[in-house]
């Protein structure tokens, strides 16, 4: 319920970095539609497959460590090379990867 409430607040008020108009132009609903993991929905499975390797790559970059040499590391490398948003100087940190307080 807290996540849904936070989602609705950001939809209505925006955030420190994104105005409500920008959010409205990218989302189709003001309500978060959460599904139970037990439903075994393909999109949720794909999100799970990508989320943890993405976190591990971001953590490795933050700690100046090597990218893991496993399946997750391969997924993370693809994300780094092709998917993360980049700033004007091709910088990922602060654009595609953010550490929030």
N, C-alpha and C. Protein backbone atom coordinates (compact mmCIF):
# COMPACT_ATOMS: atom_id res chain seq x y z
N UNK A 1 0.83 -1.19 0.00
CA UNK A 1 0.00 0.00 0.00
C UNK A 1 0.87 1.26 0.00
N UNK A 2 2.01 1.22 0.73
CA UNK A 2 2.89 2.39 0.77
C UNK A 2 3.48 2.67 -0.61
N UNK A 3 3.83 1.61 -1.34
CA UNK A 3 4.38 1.78 -2.69
C UNK A 3 3.33 2.40 -3.61
N UNK A 4 2.11 1.93 -3.53
CA UNK A 4 1.03 2.49 -4.35
C UNK A 4 0.79 3.96 -4.01
N UNK A 5 0.81 4.28 -2.73
CA UNK A 5 0.61 5.67 -2.31
C UNK A 5 1.74 6.57 -2.82
N UNK A 6 2.97 6.07 -2.72
CA UNK A 6 4.11 6.84 -3.22
C UNK A 6 4.03 7.04 -4.72
N UNK A 7 3.64 6.00 -5.44
CA UNK A 7 3.50 6.09 -6.89
C UNK A 7 2.47 7.17 -7.26
N UNK A 8 1.33 7.16 -6.60
CA UNK A 8 0.29 8.15 -6.88
C UNK A 8 0.77 9.57 -6.57
N UNK A 9 1.53 9.73 -5.48
CA UNK A 9 2.05 11.05 -5.12
C UNK A 9 3.02 11.55 -6.19
N UNK A 10 3.91 10.69 -6.65
CA UNK A 10 4.86 11.09 -7.69
C UNK A 10 4.13 11.37 -8.99
N UNK A 11 3.11 10.58 -9.29
CA UNK A 11 2.32 10.84 -10.50
C UNK A 11 1.69 12.22 -10.45
N UNK A 12 1.16 12.58 -9.30
CA UNK A 12 0.47 13.86 -9.15
C UNK A 12 1.42 15.05 -8.99
N UNK A 13 2.49 14.87 -8.23
CA UNK A 13 3.35 15.99 -7.87
C UNK A 13 4.69 16.02 -8.59
N UNK A 14 5.05 14.91 -9.25
CA UNK A 14 6.37 14.82 -9.86
C UNK A 14 7.42 14.53 -8.79
N UNK A 15 8.68 14.73 -9.17
CA UNK A 15 9.77 14.52 -8.22
C UNK A 15 10.72 15.71 -8.29
N UNK A 16 11.80 15.60 -7.59
CA UNK A 16 12.80 16.66 -7.60
C UNK A 16 13.37 16.86 -9.00
N UNK A 17 13.40 15.80 -9.80
CA UNK A 17 14.03 15.85 -11.12
C UNK A 17 13.04 15.83 -12.28
N UNK A 18 11.82 15.35 -12.07
CA UNK A 18 10.87 15.16 -13.17
C UNK A 18 9.54 15.83 -12.83
N UNK A 19 9.04 16.63 -13.76
CA UNK A 19 7.76 17.33 -13.54
C UNK A 19 6.59 16.37 -13.74
N UNK A 20 5.44 16.70 -13.17
CA UNK A 20 4.26 15.84 -13.38
C UNK A 20 3.91 15.68 -14.86
N UNK A 21 4.07 16.73 -15.67
CA UNK A 21 3.75 16.64 -17.10
C UNK A 21 4.58 15.58 -17.80
N UNK A 22 5.85 15.50 -17.48
CA UNK A 22 6.72 14.49 -18.09
C UNK A 22 6.27 13.10 -17.65
N UNK A 23 5.96 12.95 -16.38
CA UNK A 23 5.50 11.65 -15.87
C UNK A 23 4.20 11.25 -16.56
N UNK A 24 3.26 12.17 -16.68
CA UNK A 24 1.97 11.87 -17.33
C UNK A 24 2.17 11.45 -18.78
N UNK A 25 3.17 12.03 -19.45
CA UNK A 25 3.38 11.70 -20.87
C UNK A 25 3.98 10.31 -21.06
N UNK A 26 4.52 9.72 -19.98
CA UNK A 26 5.15 8.40 -20.09
C UNK A 26 4.35 7.28 -19.43
N UNK A 27 3.40 7.62 -18.59
CA UNK A 27 2.62 6.60 -17.89
C UNK A 27 1.17 6.65 -18.36
N UNK A 28 0.52 5.51 -18.38
CA UNK A 28 -0.85 5.45 -18.85
C UNK A 28 -1.88 5.50 -17.73
N UNK A 29 -1.42 5.39 -16.50
CA UNK A 29 -2.37 5.36 -15.38
C UNK A 29 -1.75 6.00 -14.15
N UNK A 30 -2.59 6.56 -13.31
CA UNK A 30 -2.12 7.13 -12.05
C UNK A 30 -2.02 6.06 -10.98
N UNK A 31 -2.49 4.85 -11.26
CA UNK A 31 -2.45 3.77 -10.29
C UNK A 31 -1.40 2.74 -10.67
N UNK A 32 -0.65 2.30 -9.68
CA UNK A 32 0.32 1.23 -9.85
C UNK A 32 -0.42 -0.10 -9.88
N UNK A 33 -0.17 -0.88 -10.89
CA UNK A 33 -0.84 -2.17 -11.02
C UNK A 33 0.15 -3.27 -10.66
N UNK A 34 0.13 -3.68 -9.41
CA UNK A 34 1.04 -4.70 -8.92
C UNK A 34 0.40 -6.08 -9.05
N UNK A 35 1.20 -7.02 -9.49
CA UNK A 35 0.73 -8.40 -9.64
C UNK A 35 1.50 -9.30 -8.69
N UNK A 36 0.85 -10.33 -8.20
CA UNK A 36 1.47 -11.29 -7.31
C UNK A 36 2.47 -12.14 -8.07
N UNK A 37 3.64 -12.38 -7.48
CA UNK A 37 4.67 -13.19 -8.14
C UNK A 37 4.17 -14.61 -8.43
N UNK A 38 3.23 -15.09 -7.64
CA UNK A 38 2.70 -16.44 -7.84
C UNK A 38 1.98 -16.57 -9.18
N UNK A 39 1.59 -15.43 -9.78
CA UNK A 39 0.92 -15.48 -11.08
C UNK A 39 1.86 -15.90 -12.21
N UNK A 40 3.17 -15.86 -11.95
CA UNK A 40 4.18 -16.31 -12.91
C UNK A 40 4.03 -15.61 -14.27
N UNK A 41 3.94 -14.30 -14.25
CA UNK A 41 3.80 -13.50 -15.47
C UNK A 41 5.17 -13.31 -16.11
N UNK A 42 5.25 -13.50 -17.42
CA UNK A 42 6.52 -13.45 -18.14
C UNK A 42 7.26 -12.14 -17.92
N UNK A 43 6.57 -11.02 -17.93
CA UNK A 43 7.22 -9.72 -17.74
C UNK A 43 7.86 -9.60 -16.36
N UNK A 44 7.21 -10.17 -15.34
CA UNK A 44 7.79 -10.15 -14.00
C UNK A 44 9.03 -11.04 -13.94
N UNK A 45 8.99 -12.16 -14.62
CA UNK A 45 10.15 -13.05 -14.66
C UNK A 45 11.33 -12.35 -15.33
N UNK A 46 11.06 -11.64 -16.41
CA UNK A 46 12.11 -10.90 -17.13
C UNK A 46 12.67 -9.79 -16.25
N UNK A 47 11.81 -9.08 -15.54
CA UNK A 47 12.26 -8.03 -14.64
C UNK A 47 13.16 -8.60 -13.54
N UNK A 48 12.80 -9.75 -13.00
CA UNK A 48 13.63 -10.41 -11.99
C UNK A 48 14.98 -10.81 -12.57
N UNK A 49 14.98 -11.28 -13.79
CA UNK A 49 16.21 -11.72 -14.45
C UNK A 49 17.18 -10.55 -14.65
N UNK A 50 16.66 -9.35 -14.85
CA UNK A 50 17.48 -8.18 -15.14
C UNK A 50 17.81 -7.37 -13.89
N UNK A 51 16.93 -7.30 -12.93
CA UNK A 51 17.09 -6.39 -11.79
C UNK A 51 18.32 -6.69 -10.94
N UNK A 52 18.52 -7.92 -10.55
CA UNK A 52 19.65 -8.23 -9.66
C UNK A 52 20.99 -8.03 -10.36
N UNK A 53 21.16 -8.53 -11.59
CA UNK A 53 22.44 -8.25 -12.27
C UNK A 53 22.68 -6.75 -12.47
N UNK A 54 21.62 -6.00 -12.71
CA UNK A 54 21.76 -4.56 -12.85
C UNK A 54 22.28 -3.95 -11.55
N UNK A 55 21.74 -4.38 -10.43
CA UNK A 55 22.20 -3.90 -9.13
C UNK A 55 23.66 -4.28 -8.90
N UNK A 56 24.03 -5.53 -9.20
CA UNK A 56 25.39 -5.99 -8.96
C UNK A 56 26.40 -5.22 -9.82
N UNK A 57 26.04 -4.89 -11.05
CA UNK A 57 26.93 -4.11 -11.92
C UNK A 57 27.08 -2.69 -11.36
N UNK A 58 25.98 -2.09 -10.95
CA UNK A 58 26.03 -0.74 -10.38
C UNK A 58 26.88 -0.73 -9.11
N UNK A 59 26.73 -1.75 -8.28
CA UNK A 59 27.50 -1.85 -7.05
C UNK A 59 28.99 -2.03 -7.36
N UNK A 60 29.30 -2.87 -8.33
CA UNK A 60 30.70 -3.08 -8.72
C UNK A 60 31.32 -1.77 -9.22
N UNK A 61 30.59 -1.03 -10.03
CA UNK A 61 31.09 0.26 -10.53
C UNK A 61 31.32 1.23 -9.36
N UNK A 62 30.39 1.26 -8.44
CA UNK A 62 30.50 2.16 -7.30
C UNK A 62 31.72 1.84 -6.44
N UNK A 63 32.03 0.55 -6.31
CA UNK A 63 33.14 0.10 -5.47
C UNK A 63 34.42 -0.14 -6.26
N UNK A 64 34.44 0.25 -7.53
CA UNK A 64 35.61 0.06 -8.41
C UNK A 64 36.06 -1.40 -8.43
N UNK A 65 35.11 -2.29 -8.55
CA UNK A 65 35.38 -3.73 -8.60
C UNK A 65 35.16 -4.24 -10.01
N UNK A 66 35.68 -5.42 -10.29
CA UNK A 66 35.50 -6.05 -11.59
C UNK A 66 34.05 -6.53 -11.74
N UNK A 67 33.60 -6.57 -12.99
CA UNK A 67 32.27 -7.11 -13.30
C UNK A 67 32.31 -8.62 -13.07
N UNK A 68 31.31 -9.17 -12.40
CA UNK A 68 31.30 -10.61 -12.17
C UNK A 68 31.38 -11.40 -13.48
N UNK A 69 32.12 -12.48 -13.45
CA UNK A 69 32.29 -13.32 -14.64
C UNK A 69 31.30 -14.49 -14.61
N UNK A 70 30.02 -14.17 -14.57
CA UNK A 70 28.99 -15.19 -14.56
C UNK A 70 27.84 -14.72 -15.46
N UNK A 71 26.75 -15.45 -15.47
CA UNK A 71 25.62 -15.09 -16.32
C UNK A 71 25.09 -13.70 -16.00
N UNK A 72 24.97 -13.38 -14.72
CA UNK A 72 24.52 -12.06 -14.31
C UNK A 72 25.46 -10.97 -14.79
N UNK A 73 26.76 -11.24 -14.77
CA UNK A 73 27.74 -10.29 -15.26
C UNK A 73 27.58 -10.03 -16.75
N UNK A 74 27.25 -11.07 -17.49
CA UNK A 74 27.00 -10.90 -18.94
C UNK A 74 25.78 -10.02 -19.18
N UNK A 75 24.72 -10.25 -18.42
CA UNK A 75 23.52 -9.41 -18.54
C UNK A 75 23.87 -7.97 -18.18
N UNK A 76 24.60 -7.80 -17.07
CA UNK A 76 25.00 -6.46 -16.65
C UNK A 76 25.86 -5.76 -17.69
N UNK A 77 26.75 -6.49 -18.34
CA UNK A 77 27.60 -5.90 -19.38
C UNK A 77 26.76 -5.41 -20.56
N UNK A 78 25.75 -6.18 -20.92
CA UNK A 78 24.85 -5.76 -22.00
C UNK A 78 24.12 -4.48 -21.60
N UNK A 79 23.64 -4.44 -20.36
CA UNK A 79 22.96 -3.23 -19.88
C UNK A 79 23.90 -2.03 -19.93
N UNK A 80 25.14 -2.20 -19.49
CA UNK A 80 26.12 -1.11 -19.51
C UNK A 80 26.39 -0.60 -20.92
N UNK A 81 26.56 -1.53 -21.85
CA UNK A 81 26.93 -1.15 -23.21
C UNK A 81 25.77 -0.57 -24.01
N UNK A 82 24.54 -1.05 -23.75
CA UNK A 82 23.45 -0.73 -24.67
C UNK A 82 22.22 -0.08 -24.05
N UNK A 83 22.00 -0.20 -22.77
CA UNK A 83 20.68 0.15 -22.24
C UNK A 83 20.63 1.33 -21.28
N UNK A 84 21.65 1.54 -20.48
CA UNK A 84 21.58 2.62 -19.50
C UNK A 84 21.59 3.97 -20.18
N UNK A 85 20.80 4.89 -19.65
CA UNK A 85 20.74 6.27 -20.16
C UNK A 85 22.10 6.93 -19.93
N UNK A 86 22.53 7.72 -20.91
CA UNK A 86 23.80 8.42 -20.81
C UNK A 86 23.59 9.92 -20.92
N UNK A 87 24.45 10.65 -20.24
CA UNK A 87 24.39 12.11 -20.28
C UNK A 87 25.07 12.63 -21.54
N UNK A 88 25.13 13.95 -21.66
CA UNK A 88 25.72 14.58 -22.85
C UNK A 88 27.16 14.16 -23.12
N UNK A 89 27.92 13.85 -22.07
CA UNK A 89 29.32 13.45 -22.27
C UNK A 89 29.46 11.92 -22.24
N UNK A 90 28.37 11.20 -22.53
CA UNK A 90 28.34 9.74 -22.55
C UNK A 90 28.53 9.13 -21.16
N UNK A 91 28.24 9.90 -20.12
CA UNK A 91 28.40 9.46 -18.74
C UNK A 91 27.15 8.71 -18.27
N UNK A 92 27.36 7.53 -17.70
CA UNK A 92 26.24 6.73 -17.17
C UNK A 92 25.92 7.13 -15.74
N UNK A 93 26.98 7.30 -14.92
CA UNK A 93 26.77 7.62 -13.51
C UNK A 93 26.06 8.96 -13.37
N UNK A 94 24.98 8.94 -12.59
CA UNK A 94 24.16 10.13 -12.42
C UNK A 94 23.07 10.25 -13.46
N UNK A 95 23.13 9.41 -14.48
CA UNK A 95 22.11 9.42 -15.54
C UNK A 95 21.40 8.06 -15.56
N UNK A 96 22.08 7.02 -15.99
CA UNK A 96 21.49 5.68 -16.05
C UNK A 96 21.64 4.91 -14.77
N UNK A 97 22.64 5.29 -13.96
CA UNK A 97 22.86 4.68 -12.65
C UNK A 97 22.89 5.80 -11.64
N UNK A 98 22.01 5.71 -10.64
CA UNK A 98 21.94 6.74 -9.59
C UNK A 98 21.92 6.06 -8.23
N UNK A 99 22.68 6.61 -7.30
CA UNK A 99 22.62 6.18 -5.90
C UNK A 99 21.91 7.27 -5.14
N UNK A 100 20.74 6.98 -4.66
CA UNK A 100 19.95 7.96 -3.94
C UNK A 100 20.14 7.77 -2.44
N UNK A 101 20.08 8.87 -1.68
CA UNK A 101 20.28 8.76 -0.23
C UNK A 101 19.17 7.97 0.44
